[in-house]
Amino acid sequence: MTDYSGHFNDGDTARRYAVTIRLEATTLLILNDAEGSHDSWPLSDLRFVGETFGGATVRLKRGEDGTARLTINDAAFLNALLQSAPHL
C-alpha cells in the first residue's frame, strides 16, 4: 500500500495540516501524525474540487456539500485514485 503526502483543511478554520493519505479498498485514510488523529472518507463520497488533469494538483472534498478539503500534489496519486474510484 502506498502513502501519499498532502494537506488537509477542515473547512472551519484557516489552518492547514500536513497529512499522510492512504488509498484503501473502499476508503481514503487521512493520517495526521502531528495531531495524532485520523479520518477516513468513503471513496464513493469523494468529489473533485475544480478541474483535475494529469500532472495537476488534486483537490478533493467529501460529498457535494463538504467543506473540508484534501490537497495532493502527486501525479501518481491521481492515477491510483482513478483506478480505485472510477466514478470520479
C-alpha atoms as a PDB file:
ATOM      1  CA  MET A   1       0.000   0.000   0.000  1.00  0.00           C
ATOM      2  CA  THR A   2       1.395   3.390  -0.988  1.00  0.00           C
ATOM      3  CA  ASP A   3       1.210   6.508   1.155  1.00  0.00           C
ATOM      4  CA  TYR A   4       0.973   9.997  -0.306  1.00  0.00           C
ATOM      5  CA  SER A   5       1.724  13.358   1.286  1.00  0.00           C
ATOM      6  CA  GLY A   6      -0.874  16.073   1.226  1.00  0.00           C
ATOM      7  CA  HIS A   7      -2.608  18.823   3.145  1.00  0.00           C
ATOM      8  CA  PHE A   8      -5.937  18.884   4.919  1.00  0.00           C
ATOM      9  CA  ASN A   9      -8.105  21.934   5.561  1.00  0.00           C
ATOM     10  CA  ASP A  10     -11.018  21.280   7.901  1.00  0.00           C
ATOM     11  CA  GLY A  11     -13.285  23.903   6.326  1.00  0.00           C
ATOM     12  CA  ASP A  12     -13.931  25.566   9.690  1.00  0.00           C
ATOM     13  CA  THR A  13     -10.597  27.305  10.235  1.00  0.00           C
ATOM     14  CA  ALA A  14      -7.808  28.622   8.031  1.00  0.00           C
ATOM     15  CA  ARG A  15      -5.379  26.081   9.478  1.00  0.00           C
ATOM     16  CA  ARG A  16      -3.681  23.704   7.058  1.00  0.00           C
ATOM     17  CA  TYR A  17      -2.470  20.318   8.303  1.00  0.00           C
ATOM     18  CA  ALA A  18       0.242  18.182   6.721  1.00  0.00           C
ATOM     19  CA  VAL A  19      -1.219  14.677   6.381  1.00  0.00           C
ATOM     20  CA  THR A  20      -0.416  11.252   5.019  1.00  0.00           C
ATOM     21  CA  ILE A  21      -3.036   9.847   2.668  1.00  0.00           C
ATOM     22  CA  ARG A  22      -3.547   6.155   2.047  1.00  0.00           C
ATOM     23  CA  LEU A  23      -5.892   4.615  -0.505  1.00  0.00           C
ATOM     24  CA  GLU A  24      -7.603   1.533   0.885  1.00  0.00           C
ATOM     25  CA  ALA A  25     -10.130  -0.790  -0.761  1.00  0.00           C
ATOM     26  CA  THR A  26     -13.182   1.382  -0.064  1.00  0.00           C
ATOM     27  CA  THR A  27     -11.836   4.407   1.784  1.00  0.00           C
ATOM     28  CA  LEU A  28      -9.296   7.194   1.678  1.00  0.00           C
ATOM     29  CA  LEU A  29      -7.488   7.224   5.014  1.00  0.00           C
ATOM     30  CA  ILE A  30      -6.216  10.607   6.228  1.00  0.00           C
ATOM     31  CA  LEU A  31      -3.500  10.427   8.893  1.00  0.00           C
ATOM     32  CA  ASN A  32      -2.383  13.497  10.829  1.00  0.00           C
ATOM     33  CA  ASP A  33       0.653  12.288  12.755  1.00  0.00           C
ATOM     34  CA  ALA A  34       1.381  15.677  14.348  1.00  0.00           C
ATOM     35  CA  GLU A  35      -2.104  15.820  15.879  1.00  0.00           C
ATOM     36  CA  GLY A  36      -2.319  12.069  16.444  1.00  0.00           C
ATOM     37  CA  SER A  37      -5.626  11.902  14.602  1.00  0.00           C
ATOM     38  CA  HIS A  38      -7.094  10.243  11.549  1.00  0.00           C
ATOM     39  CA  ASP A  39     -10.201  10.272   9.416  1.00  0.00           C
ATOM     40  CA  SER A  40     -11.499   8.115   6.601  1.00  0.00           C
ATOM     41  CA  TRP A  41     -13.583   9.189   3.648  1.00  0.00           C
ATOM     42  CA  PRO A  42     -15.515   6.575   1.667  1.00  0.00           C
ATOM     43  CA  LEU A  43     -14.274   6.527  -1.933  1.00  0.00           C
ATOM     44  CA  SER A  44     -17.890   6.735  -3.095  1.00  0.00           C
ATOM     45  CA  ASP A  45     -18.227  10.136  -1.341  1.00  0.00           C
ATOM     46  CA  LEU A  46     -15.182  11.752  -2.964  1.00  0.00           C
ATOM     47  CA  ARG A  47     -15.621  14.700  -5.309  1.00  0.00           C
ATOM     48  CA  PHE A  48     -13.035  16.749  -7.170  1.00  0.00           C
ATOM     49  CA  VAL A  49     -12.792  20.445  -6.345  1.00  0.00           C
ATOM     50  CA  GLY A  50     -12.159  22.315  -9.584  1.00  0.00           C
ATOM     51  CA  GLU A  51     -10.630  20.813 -12.691  1.00  0.00           C
ATOM     52  CA  THR A  52      -8.283  17.859 -12.370  1.00  0.00           C
ATOM     53  CA  PHE A  53      -5.971  16.535 -15.043  1.00  0.00           C
ATOM     54  CA  GLY A  54      -2.673  14.657 -15.248  1.00  0.00           C
ATOM     55  CA  GLY A  55       0.181  16.456 -13.533  1.00  0.00           C
ATOM     56  CA  ALA A  56      -2.074  18.944 -11.720  1.00  0.00           C
ATOM     57  CA  THR A  57      -2.657  19.286  -8.008  1.00  0.00           C
ATOM     58  CA  VAL A  58      -5.592  17.132  -6.897  1.00  0.00           C
ATOM     59  CA  ARG A  59      -8.144  18.776  -4.612  1.00  0.00           C
ATOM     60  CA  LEU A  60     -10.871  16.632  -3.057  1.00  0.00           C
ATOM     61  CA  LYS A  61     -13.878  17.107  -0.832  1.00  0.00           C
ATOM     62  CA  ARG A  62     -16.242  14.646   0.802  1.00  0.00           C
ATOM     63  CA  GLY A  63     -19.737  14.745  -0.679  1.00  0.00           C
ATOM     64  CA  GLU A  64     -21.412  17.583  -2.535  1.00  0.00           C
ATOM     65  CA  ASP A  65     -21.632  19.895   0.474  1.00  0.00           C
ATOM     66  CA  GLY A  66     -18.373  19.034   2.213  1.00  0.00           C
ATOM     67  CA  THR A  67     -16.280  21.993   3.348  1.00  0.00           C
ATOM     68  CA  ALA A  68     -13.123  20.082   4.309  1.00  0.00           C
ATOM     69  CA  ARG A  69     -10.505  19.811   1.563  1.00  0.00           C
ATOM     70  CA  LEU A  70      -7.615  17.492   0.775  1.00  0.00           C
ATOM     71  CA  THR A  71      -4.830  18.717  -1.494  1.00  0.00           C
ATOM     72  CA  ILE A  72      -2.369  16.235  -3.010  1.00  0.00           C
ATOM     73  CA  ASN A  73       0.394  17.318  -5.379  1.00  0.00           C
ATOM     74  CA  ASP A  74       1.482  13.928  -6.708  1.00  0.00           C
ATOM     75  CA  ALA A  75       0.705  12.733 -10.256  1.00  0.00           C
ATOM     76  CA  ALA A  76       0.919   9.097  -9.132  1.00  0.00           C
ATOM     77  CA  PHE A  77      -1.888   9.717  -6.634  1.00  0.00           C
ATOM     78  CA  LEU A  78      -4.315  10.793  -9.352  1.00  0.00           C
ATOM     79  CA  ASN A  79      -3.673   7.611 -11.334  1.00  0.00           C
ATOM     80  CA  ALA A  80      -4.131   5.415  -8.253  1.00  0.00           C
ATOM     81  CA  LEU A  81      -7.267   7.310  -7.214  1.00  0.00           C
ATOM     82  CA  LEU A  82      -8.907   6.929 -10.611  1.00  0.00           C
ATOM     83  CA  GLN A  83      -8.251   3.177 -10.542  1.00  0.00           C
ATOM     84  CA  SER A  84      -9.783   2.886  -7.068  1.00  0.00           C
ATOM     85  CA  ALA A  85     -12.670   5.305  -7.619  1.00  0.00           C
ATOM     86  CA  PRO A  86     -13.652   5.192 -11.296  1.00  0.00           C
ATOM     87  CA  HIS A  87     -16.822   7.242 -10.618  1.00  0.00           C
ATOM     88  CA  LEU A  88     -14.625  10.313 -10.437  1.00  0.00           C
END
